[in-house]
N, C-alpha and C. Protein backbone atom coordinates (compact mmCIF):
# COMPACT_ATOMS: atom_id res chain seq x y z
N MET A 1 0.83 -1.23 -0.03
CA MET A 1 0.03 -0.01 0.01
C MET A 1 0.84 1.24 0.02
N VAL A 2 0.57 2.17 -0.89
CA VAL A 2 1.29 3.47 -0.96
C VAL A 2 0.35 4.47 -0.37
N GLU A 3 0.98 5.39 0.35
CA GLU A 3 0.19 6.49 0.98
C GLU A 3 0.89 7.78 0.71
N LEU A 4 0.16 8.82 0.38
CA LEU A 4 0.82 10.11 0.24
C LEU A 4 1.14 10.66 1.65
N ALA A 5 2.30 11.26 1.67
CA ALA A 5 2.79 11.91 2.97
C ALA A 5 1.86 12.99 3.36
N ALA A 6 1.74 13.29 4.63
CA ALA A 6 0.92 14.35 5.11
C ALA A 6 1.28 15.74 4.51
N ARG A 7 2.55 15.88 4.15
CA ARG A 7 2.95 17.18 3.62
C ARG A 7 2.68 17.32 2.16
N ALA A 8 2.20 16.28 1.51
CA ALA A 8 1.90 16.28 0.05
C ALA A 8 0.44 16.64 -0.12
N ILE A 9 0.22 17.62 -0.99
CA ILE A 9 -1.16 18.04 -1.32
C ILE A 9 -1.35 17.80 -2.88
N LEU A 10 -2.38 16.98 -3.10
CA LEU A 10 -2.73 16.66 -4.46
C LEU A 10 -3.85 17.49 -4.97
N THR A 11 -3.73 18.15 -6.10
CA THR A 11 -4.82 18.96 -6.63
C THR A 11 -4.97 18.60 -8.08
N GLU A 12 -6.25 18.51 -8.46
CA GLU A 12 -6.62 18.22 -9.85
C GLU A 12 -6.48 19.47 -10.68
N THR A 13 -6.05 19.29 -11.88
CA THR A 13 -6.02 20.43 -12.85
C THR A 13 -6.70 20.04 -14.12
N GLU A 14 -6.81 20.96 -15.04
CA GLU A 14 -7.41 20.69 -16.30
C GLU A 14 -6.84 19.53 -17.09
N HIS A 15 -5.48 19.34 -16.91
CA HIS A 15 -4.76 18.43 -17.75
C HIS A 15 -4.10 17.31 -16.95
N GLY A 16 -4.26 17.20 -15.63
CA GLY A 16 -3.69 16.22 -14.84
C GLY A 16 -3.78 16.59 -13.35
N THR A 17 -2.66 16.59 -12.66
CA THR A 17 -2.62 16.96 -11.20
C THR A 17 -1.40 17.70 -10.97
N VAL A 18 -1.40 18.39 -9.82
CA VAL A 18 -0.24 18.98 -9.25
C VAL A 18 -0.01 18.48 -7.87
N LEU A 19 1.21 18.04 -7.53
CA LEU A 19 1.50 17.50 -6.23
C LEU A 19 2.41 18.52 -5.62
N LEU A 20 2.01 19.14 -4.47
CA LEU A 20 2.79 20.14 -3.79
C LEU A 20 3.33 19.61 -2.45
N ASP A 21 4.60 19.88 -2.30
CA ASP A 21 5.31 19.51 -1.01
C ASP A 21 5.22 20.77 -0.16
N GLU A 22 4.38 20.77 0.84
CA GLU A 22 4.20 21.88 1.75
C GLU A 22 5.47 22.31 2.45
N HIS A 23 6.40 21.37 2.75
CA HIS A 23 7.60 21.76 3.49
C HIS A 23 8.61 22.51 2.67
N THR A 24 8.71 22.09 1.37
CA THR A 24 9.76 22.72 0.54
C THR A 24 9.21 23.67 -0.47
N GLY A 25 7.90 23.67 -0.71
CA GLY A 25 7.30 24.51 -1.74
C GLY A 25 7.51 24.02 -3.18
N ARG A 26 8.16 22.89 -3.33
CA ARG A 26 8.35 22.26 -4.64
C ARG A 26 7.05 21.60 -5.10
N TYR A 27 6.88 21.59 -6.34
CA TYR A 27 5.69 20.89 -6.84
C TYR A 27 5.94 20.13 -8.12
N TRP A 28 5.20 19.13 -8.39
CA TRP A 28 5.29 18.31 -9.55
C TRP A 28 3.93 18.34 -10.28
N MET A 29 3.99 18.61 -11.62
CA MET A 29 2.89 18.67 -12.43
C MET A 29 2.84 17.34 -13.20
N THR A 30 1.70 16.74 -13.28
CA THR A 30 1.55 15.50 -14.07
C THR A 30 0.50 15.59 -15.13
N ASN A 31 0.68 14.84 -16.16
CA ASN A 31 -0.31 14.79 -17.19
C ASN A 31 -1.39 13.75 -16.69
N GLY A 32 -2.33 13.37 -17.60
CA GLY A 32 -3.38 12.42 -17.22
C GLY A 32 -2.92 11.15 -16.74
N THR A 33 -1.80 10.67 -17.36
CA THR A 33 -1.24 9.35 -17.01
C THR A 33 -0.73 9.44 -15.53
N GLY A 34 0.04 10.44 -15.22
CA GLY A 34 0.54 10.63 -13.90
C GLY A 34 -0.56 10.77 -12.88
N ALA A 35 -1.59 11.54 -13.31
CA ALA A 35 -2.75 11.72 -12.44
C ALA A 35 -3.41 10.40 -12.08
N THR A 36 -3.51 9.51 -13.01
CA THR A 36 -4.13 8.17 -12.70
C THR A 36 -3.35 7.45 -11.64
N VAL A 37 -2.00 7.52 -11.75
CA VAL A 37 -1.12 6.87 -10.82
C VAL A 37 -1.30 7.58 -9.41
N LEU A 38 -1.25 8.88 -9.36
CA LEU A 38 -1.28 9.60 -8.14
C LEU A 38 -2.63 9.43 -7.43
N ARG A 39 -3.73 9.36 -8.21
CA ARG A 39 -5.03 9.08 -7.64
C ARG A 39 -5.03 7.73 -7.02
N SER A 40 -4.46 6.70 -7.63
CA SER A 40 -4.41 5.40 -7.04
C SER A 40 -3.62 5.42 -5.70
N PHE A 41 -2.50 6.11 -5.80
CA PHE A 41 -1.66 6.21 -4.52
C PHE A 41 -2.46 6.93 -3.40
N ALA A 42 -3.14 8.01 -3.78
CA ALA A 42 -3.87 8.74 -2.80
C ALA A 42 -4.97 7.94 -2.16
N ALA A 43 -5.54 6.92 -2.90
CA ALA A 43 -6.58 6.02 -2.46
C ALA A 43 -5.97 4.84 -1.67
N GLY A 44 -4.65 4.85 -1.48
CA GLY A 44 -3.95 3.76 -0.75
C GLY A 44 -3.71 2.52 -1.56
N GLY A 45 -3.71 2.68 -2.92
CA GLY A 45 -3.40 1.56 -3.78
C GLY A 45 -1.91 1.22 -3.73
N THR A 46 -1.61 0.03 -4.25
CA THR A 46 -0.25 -0.44 -4.34
C THR A 46 0.29 -0.06 -5.73
N VAL A 47 1.64 -0.23 -5.90
CA VAL A 47 2.25 -0.03 -7.21
C VAL A 47 1.50 -0.85 -8.29
N LEU A 48 1.23 -2.12 -7.98
CA LEU A 48 0.60 -2.98 -8.90
C LEU A 48 -0.86 -2.54 -9.24
N GLU A 49 -1.57 -2.04 -8.21
CA GLU A 49 -2.87 -1.53 -8.43
C GLU A 49 -2.82 -0.21 -9.30
N ALA A 50 -1.88 0.63 -9.12
CA ALA A 50 -1.72 1.74 -9.86
C ALA A 50 -1.34 1.38 -11.37
N ALA A 51 -0.55 0.43 -11.52
CA ALA A 51 -0.17 -0.04 -12.85
C ALA A 51 -1.45 -0.61 -13.57
N ALA A 52 -2.24 -1.34 -12.83
CA ALA A 52 -3.48 -1.92 -13.44
C ALA A 52 -4.39 -0.79 -13.80
N ALA A 53 -4.48 0.23 -12.95
CA ALA A 53 -5.41 1.34 -13.31
C ALA A 53 -4.85 2.12 -14.54
N LEU A 54 -3.56 2.21 -14.71
CA LEU A 54 -2.98 2.77 -15.87
C LEU A 54 -3.26 2.01 -17.07
N CYS A 55 -3.21 0.65 -17.05
CA CYS A 55 -3.54 -0.21 -18.13
C CYS A 55 -5.05 -0.05 -18.54
N ALA A 56 -5.82 0.02 -17.51
CA ALA A 56 -7.29 0.20 -17.75
C ALA A 56 -7.64 1.51 -18.42
N SER A 57 -6.92 2.56 -18.10
CA SER A 57 -7.24 3.86 -18.69
C SER A 57 -6.55 4.14 -20.02
N ASN A 58 -5.56 3.37 -20.36
CA ASN A 58 -4.89 3.58 -21.64
C ASN A 58 -4.80 2.32 -22.46
N THR A 59 -5.49 2.29 -23.55
CA THR A 59 -5.40 1.09 -24.38
C THR A 59 -3.97 1.06 -24.98
N GLY A 60 -3.48 -0.09 -25.16
CA GLY A 60 -2.08 -0.23 -25.68
C GLY A 60 -0.97 -0.22 -24.64
N VAL A 61 -1.25 0.03 -23.42
CA VAL A 61 -0.23 0.06 -22.41
C VAL A 61 -0.25 -1.40 -21.72
N ASN A 62 0.87 -2.10 -21.84
CA ASN A 62 0.88 -3.43 -21.19
C ASN A 62 1.31 -3.31 -19.73
N MET A 63 0.96 -4.34 -19.03
CA MET A 63 1.24 -4.32 -17.57
C MET A 63 2.73 -4.23 -17.20
N ASP A 64 3.57 -4.90 -17.97
CA ASP A 64 5.00 -4.82 -17.67
C ASP A 64 5.55 -3.39 -17.77
N ASP A 65 5.17 -2.66 -18.85
CA ASP A 65 5.55 -1.34 -19.02
C ASP A 65 4.96 -0.40 -17.97
N ALA A 66 3.70 -0.63 -17.68
CA ALA A 66 2.99 0.18 -16.69
C ALA A 66 3.61 0.02 -15.34
N GLU A 67 3.97 -1.22 -14.95
CA GLU A 67 4.55 -1.51 -13.63
C GLU A 67 5.90 -0.85 -13.52
N ARG A 68 6.71 -0.90 -14.61
CA ARG A 68 8.02 -0.26 -14.62
C ARG A 68 7.94 1.19 -14.46
N ASP A 69 6.99 1.86 -15.16
CA ASP A 69 6.83 3.28 -15.09
C ASP A 69 6.28 3.71 -13.83
N VAL A 70 5.32 3.08 -13.23
CA VAL A 70 4.77 3.38 -11.91
C VAL A 70 5.82 3.21 -10.81
N THR A 71 6.64 2.18 -10.94
CA THR A 71 7.65 1.97 -9.99
C THR A 71 8.67 3.16 -10.01
N ALA A 72 9.05 3.59 -11.20
CA ALA A 72 9.99 4.68 -11.35
C ALA A 72 9.43 5.98 -10.70
N LEU A 73 8.14 6.22 -10.94
CA LEU A 73 7.50 7.37 -10.34
C LEU A 73 7.39 7.26 -8.80
N PHE A 74 7.01 6.13 -8.38
CA PHE A 74 6.99 5.85 -6.92
C PHE A 74 8.33 6.13 -6.30
N GLU A 75 9.42 5.69 -6.93
CA GLU A 75 10.79 5.81 -6.34
C GLU A 75 11.15 7.26 -6.30
N GLN A 76 10.82 8.12 -7.34
CA GLN A 76 11.07 9.46 -7.32
C GLN A 76 10.36 10.21 -6.18
N LEU A 77 9.10 9.83 -6.00
CA LEU A 77 8.28 10.48 -5.00
C LEU A 77 8.75 10.02 -3.61
N ARG A 78 9.16 8.74 -3.45
CA ARG A 78 9.64 8.26 -2.17
C ARG A 78 10.90 9.01 -1.80
N ARG A 79 11.85 9.15 -2.70
CA ARG A 79 13.09 9.88 -2.42
C ARG A 79 12.79 11.32 -2.00
N GLY A 80 11.71 11.92 -2.61
CA GLY A 80 11.32 13.26 -2.18
C GLY A 80 10.53 13.33 -0.99
N GLY A 81 10.25 12.23 -0.41
CA GLY A 81 9.42 12.21 0.88
C GLY A 81 7.92 12.41 0.70
N LEU A 82 7.43 12.25 -0.52
CA LEU A 82 6.04 12.53 -0.76
C LEU A 82 5.10 11.36 -0.68
N VAL A 83 5.73 10.17 -0.66
CA VAL A 83 4.89 8.92 -0.52
C VAL A 83 5.54 8.08 0.57
N LEU A 84 4.69 7.23 1.20
CA LEU A 84 5.13 6.36 2.23
C LEU A 84 4.82 4.90 1.77
N PRO A 85 5.82 4.05 1.79
CA PRO A 85 5.46 2.67 1.33
C PRO A 85 4.69 1.89 2.36
């Protein structure tokens, strides 16, 4: 289960989401694909569940590629302190 850190604020935008780190003021803008993953994380989903959601929302994305991409995003967010494993 992945959880957004308390300092992370997720906001929907017209084209995706913005994830704000309240402690540093840094933010990450995502497109619709990233938004799907972040919504899954915000709901307490796992990396595999986020990858499955990505596959369901994008025709042509296979599970192996989705899992690799979601894992990479998760690792970036974890290093930044924005998600908790």
